[in-house]
Amino acid sequence: MNILQRFSAPKLQWVALICLLVYPIAILAARLDIWHFRNSFLLFVIAALIGFGVLVVSVLKLAKSQEGEAKPLVVALIATAIPLGLLGNSIMKAQSHPFIHDITTDTQTPPEFVAAKADRAEGDHDVAYAGDAIASLQREGYPDLTSVTLSHSPQQVFELAKGLVQTNGWALLAENNQQLPYTLEAVDTSLLFGFKDDVVIRINEGENGSIVDVRSMSRQGKSDLGVNAKRIRTFLEQLSK
């Protein structure tokens, strides 16, 4: 009995559906802090490997399918191809961005995290900036991220920035508009895994208005898939309107 005969179409369908079910369960478990998100990633890998095997066997069987086998084989193909496609897209996305998780518009004197440092838990990244080790990677990957000059006064920019923090759904950790540079610290939580990224906005007085710098840093993980850079870019675009 060869491998194609060993695995029936209904069996492949059920294995594929079980693998598909692993993904939302793993995400929910991480989101509810039932276990560490790395355990969910491990389940992703296991489900992906099994799913890939089911996908290959299903394709081969479909080419020689007998009566009644086509439907469960198509279900197996869809149930394995969709998550594999999404995972593949994430891997490609990771490779297309610098392997860093701390992004700032000012790599020489980056805004400092104060409230975020106290809010971080054991096992989270330290808030200290790594300097040239990541600055060169950022300049290569995100050359457009630099300080922004606005014509508004620091107080006006502070109010605009605070409004955007609330509009974007970030949790405000701390604010200072009593002494320059003005600062805002906030946390943005991802929808699926509940990953927390800290954001600090620094507003200084410039010759013709205000100079704004933003730093966004993930609390966990080595690569941010470009999320922090995208967050800064979007925020500055909103602020400049």
Protein backbone atom coordinates (compact mmCIF):
# COMPACT_ATOMS: atom_id res chain seq x y z
CA MET A 1 0.00 0.00 0.00
CA ASN A 2 1.54 3.34 -1.08
CA ILE A 3 1.15 6.62 0.74
CA LEU A 4 -1.73 7.78 -1.47
CA GLN A 5 -3.72 4.66 -0.64
CA ARG A 6 -2.87 4.89 3.06
CA PHE A 7 -4.52 8.28 3.51
CA SER A 8 -8.14 8.38 2.42
CA ALA A 9 -9.75 11.59 1.20
CA PRO A 10 -12.00 11.93 4.30
CA LYS A 11 -9.02 11.40 6.60
CA LEU A 12 -7.02 14.09 4.80
CA GLN A 13 -9.97 16.44 5.08
CA TRP A 14 -10.26 15.98 8.85
CA VAL A 15 -6.52 16.34 9.44
CA ALA A 16 -6.56 19.55 7.38
CA LEU A 17 -9.50 20.95 9.35
CA ILE A 18 -7.85 20.09 12.67
CA CYS A 19 -4.65 21.84 11.54
CA LEU A 20 -6.70 24.86 10.50
CA LEU A 21 -8.35 24.94 13.93
CA VAL A 22 -4.94 25.01 15.63
CA TYR A 23 -4.25 28.57 14.42
CA PRO A 24 -7.17 30.41 16.08
CA ILE A 25 -6.77 28.32 19.24
CA ALA A 26 -3.06 29.20 19.44
CA ILE A 27 -3.79 32.89 18.85
CA LEU A 28 -6.54 32.95 21.49
CA ALA A 29 -4.35 31.17 24.03
CA ALA A 30 -1.58 33.74 23.56
CA ARG A 31 -4.06 36.64 23.60
CA LEU A 32 -5.52 35.43 26.92
CA ASP A 33 -2.04 34.83 28.39
CA ILE A 34 -2.74 31.14 28.81
CA TRP A 35 0.79 30.52 27.56
CA HIS A 36 3.70 32.44 26.03
CA PHE A 37 3.27 33.53 22.42
CA ARG A 38 6.35 31.47 21.48
CA ASN A 39 4.33 28.32 22.26
CA SER A 40 1.71 29.52 19.77
CA PHE A 41 4.41 30.07 17.15
CA LEU A 42 5.65 26.53 17.77
CA LEU A 43 2.13 25.21 17.18
CA PHE A 44 2.02 27.26 13.97
CA VAL A 45 5.16 25.53 12.74
CA ILE A 46 3.86 22.06 13.61
CA ALA A 47 0.47 22.74 12.00
CA ALA A 48 2.19 24.19 8.92
CA LEU A 49 4.45 21.16 8.48
CA ILE A 50 1.55 18.72 8.83
CA GLY A 51 -0.60 20.94 6.62
CA PHE A 52 2.03 21.03 3.91
CA GLY A 53 2.17 17.22 3.92
CA VAL A 54 -1.63 17.04 3.66
CA LEU A 55 -1.56 19.59 0.83
CA VAL A 56 0.95 17.60 -1.21
CA VAL A 57 -0.85 14.28 -0.71
CA SER A 58 -4.21 15.88 -1.50
CA VAL A 59 -2.91 17.33 -4.76
CA LEU A 60 -1.51 13.95 -5.81
CA LYS A 61 -4.71 12.13 -4.88
CA LEU A 62 -6.87 14.73 -6.61
CA ALA A 63 -5.03 14.07 -9.85
CA LYS A 64 -6.14 10.44 -9.60
CA SER A 65 -9.32 10.92 -7.60
CA GLN A 66 -12.09 8.41 -7.70
CA GLU A 67 -15.79 9.00 -7.29
CA GLY A 68 -16.65 10.73 -4.02
CA GLU A 69 -13.07 11.83 -3.28
CA ALA A 70 -13.01 15.21 -5.00
CA LYS A 71 -15.03 17.19 -2.43
CA PRO A 72 -13.08 16.22 0.72
CA LEU A 73 -9.80 16.66 -1.16
CA VAL A 74 -10.76 20.17 -2.25
CA VAL A 75 -11.70 21.00 1.34
CA ALA A 76 -8.31 19.67 2.47
CA LEU A 77 -6.56 21.79 -0.16
CA ILE A 78 -8.34 24.98 0.86
CA ALA A 79 -7.93 24.35 4.60
CA THR A 80 -4.17 23.92 4.24
CA ALA A 81 -3.39 26.36 1.42
CA ILE A 82 -4.91 29.46 3.09
CA PRO A 83 -2.89 29.37 6.36
CA LEU A 84 0.26 28.29 4.50
CA GLY A 85 -0.19 31.25 2.17
CA LEU A 86 -0.61 33.65 5.08
CA LEU A 87 2.44 32.26 6.87
CA GLY A 88 4.48 32.46 3.68
CA ASN A 89 3.44 36.06 3.23
CA SER A 90 4.55 36.86 6.81
CA ILE A 91 7.94 35.25 6.20
CA MET A 92 8.44 37.25 3.01
CA LYS A 93 7.35 40.40 4.82
CA ALA A 94 9.89 39.75 7.59
CA GLN A 95 12.68 39.31 5.06
CA SER A 96 11.79 42.58 3.33
CA HIS A 97 12.22 44.67 6.50
CA PRO A 98 15.22 45.28 8.79
CA PHE A 99 15.48 42.72 11.57
CA ILE A 100 14.90 45.29 14.33
CA HIS A 101 12.08 46.26 16.68
CA ASP A 102 13.06 49.77 17.86
CA ILE A 103 12.47 52.62 15.39
CA THR A 104 12.98 56.35 15.89
CA THR A 105 13.05 59.51 13.79
CA ASP A 106 16.16 60.63 15.68
CA THR A 107 18.85 57.96 15.86
CA GLN A 108 21.42 60.33 17.41
CA THR A 109 19.38 61.44 20.45
CA PRO A 110 16.25 59.26 20.40
CA PRO A 111 13.28 60.14 22.62
CA GLU A 112 13.53 58.29 25.92
CA PHE A 113 10.96 55.94 27.42
CA VAL A 114 10.27 56.73 31.07
CA ALA A 115 6.74 55.61 31.89
CA ALA A 116 7.09 52.67 29.47
CA LYS A 117 10.14 51.43 31.35
CA ALA A 118 8.12 51.16 34.55
CA ASP A 119 5.20 49.57 32.70
CA ARG A 120 7.23 46.76 31.14
CA ALA A 121 7.21 43.27 32.59
CA GLU A 122 9.99 40.80 33.24
CA GLY A 123 11.15 39.32 29.95
CA ASP A 124 10.30 42.45 27.92
CA HIS A 125 13.04 44.28 26.04
CA ASP A 126 15.05 46.93 27.84
CA VAL A 127 14.09 50.45 26.73
CA ALA A 128 17.72 51.54 26.24
CA TYR A 129 18.47 52.43 22.63
CA ALA A 130 21.00 50.08 21.00
CA GLY A 131 22.68 52.88 19.05
CA ASP A 132 24.68 52.19 15.89
CA ALA A 133 23.80 48.49 16.08
CA ILE A 134 20.29 49.28 14.86
CA ALA A 135 20.61 52.86 13.61
CA SER A 136 22.46 51.79 10.46
CA LEU A 137 19.88 49.09 9.74
CA GLN A 138 17.07 51.60 10.18
CA ARG A 139 18.69 54.19 7.90
CA GLU A 140 19.07 51.52 5.23
CA GLY A 141 15.53 50.18 5.58
CA TYR A 142 13.60 53.36 6.41
CA PRO A 143 15.56 56.37 5.09
CA ASP A 144 12.38 58.49 5.04
CA LEU A 145 11.91 58.43 8.83
CA THR A 146 13.35 61.69 10.12
CA SER A 147 12.33 64.52 12.44
CA VAL A 148 9.38 66.59 11.23
CA THR A 149 9.14 70.37 11.46
CA LEU A 150 5.70 71.93 11.86
CA SER A 151 4.67 75.58 11.83
CA HIS A 152 2.47 75.22 14.91
CA SER A 153 3.65 76.05 18.42
CA PRO A 154 4.79 73.19 20.69
CA GLN A 155 1.59 73.51 22.75
CA GLN A 156 -0.59 73.30 19.64
CA VAL A 157 1.33 70.28 18.37
CA PHE A 158 1.06 68.65 21.80
CA GLU A 159 -2.72 68.97 21.75
CA LEU A 160 -2.91 67.64 18.18
CA ALA A 161 -0.62 64.71 19.05
CA LYS A 162 -2.62 63.85 22.17
CA GLY A 163 -5.81 63.86 20.13
CA LEU A 164 -4.26 61.46 17.61
CA VAL A 165 -3.12 59.13 20.39
CA GLN A 166 -6.73 58.86 21.48
CA THR A 167 -8.06 58.59 17.92
CA ASN A 168 -5.65 55.76 17.13
CA GLY A 169 -6.78 53.85 20.19
CA TRP A 170 -3.44 53.95 22.01
CA ALA A 171 -3.40 53.79 25.80
CA LEU A 172 -1.84 56.96 27.18
CA LEU A 173 0.84 56.24 29.79
CA ALA A 174 2.20 59.70 30.54
CA GLU A 175 2.19 63.26 29.29
CA ASN A 176 4.26 66.38 29.87
CA ASN A 177 3.44 69.81 28.52
CA GLN A 178 4.88 71.80 31.42
CA GLN A 179 8.48 71.87 30.31
CA LEU A 180 10.12 71.54 26.91
CA PRO A 181 10.57 69.15 25.32
CA TYR A 182 6.93 68.16 25.66
CA THR A 183 6.35 64.40 25.61
CA LEU A 184 3.60 61.84 25.29
CA GLU A 185 4.02 58.13 26.02
CA ALA A 186 1.47 55.55 24.91
CA VAL A 187 0.99 51.85 24.23
CA ASP A 188 -0.48 50.31 21.09
CA THR A 189 -1.78 46.74 21.48
CA SER A 190 -2.09 44.47 18.45
CA LEU A 191 -5.46 42.88 17.72
CA LEU A 192 -4.55 39.21 17.33
CA PHE A 193 -1.78 38.38 19.79
CA GLY A 194 -2.10 41.43 22.02
CA PHE A 195 1.53 42.42 21.43
CA LYS A 196 2.34 45.74 23.11
CA ASP A 197 4.43 48.40 21.37
CA ASP A 198 5.47 51.54 23.23
CA VAL A 199 5.40 54.94 21.56
CA VAL A 200 7.00 58.16 22.77
CA ILE A 201 6.38 61.49 21.04
CA ARG A 202 8.80 64.36 21.68
CA ILE A 203 7.94 67.96 20.77
CA ASN A 204 10.64 70.62 20.83
CA GLU A 205 10.64 74.26 19.91
CA GLY A 206 12.09 75.05 16.49
CA GLU A 207 13.07 78.24 14.68
CA ASN A 208 9.71 78.53 12.91
CA GLY A 209 7.47 76.31 15.00
CA SER A 210 8.03 72.83 16.42
CA ILE A 211 10.26 69.83 15.82
CA VAL A 212 8.59 66.46 16.36
CA ASP A 213 10.31 63.12 16.92
CA VAL A 214 8.67 59.77 17.46
CA ARG A 215 10.03 56.47 18.70
CA SER A 216 8.12 53.19 18.55
CA MET A 217 9.43 49.99 20.14
CA SER A 218 8.09 46.47 20.54
CA ARG A 219 8.19 44.97 24.01
CA GLN A 220 8.88 41.47 22.72
CA GLY A 221 10.20 39.82 19.58
CA LYS A 222 13.27 40.48 17.47
CA SER A 223 11.62 41.61 14.24
CA ASP A 224 8.55 43.84 14.06
CA LEU A 225 7.69 43.12 10.39
CA GLY A 226 7.85 46.86 9.73
CA VAL A 227 4.99 47.64 12.13
CA ASN A 228 6.82 50.27 14.18
CA ALA A 229 8.04 52.17 11.11
CA LYS A 230 4.56 52.08 9.62
CA ARG A 231 3.08 53.38 12.89
CA ILE A 232 5.49 56.32 13.02
CA ARG A 233 5.01 57.14 9.34
CA THR A 234 1.21 57.08 9.65
CA PHE A 235 1.22 59.17 12.82
CA LEU A 236 3.45 61.86 11.31
CA GLU A 237 1.29 61.99 8.20
CA GLN A 238 -1.78 62.47 10.40
CA LEU A 239 -0.02 65.15 12.44
CA SER A 240 1.11 67.04 9.34
CA LYS A 241 -2.37 67.36 7.80
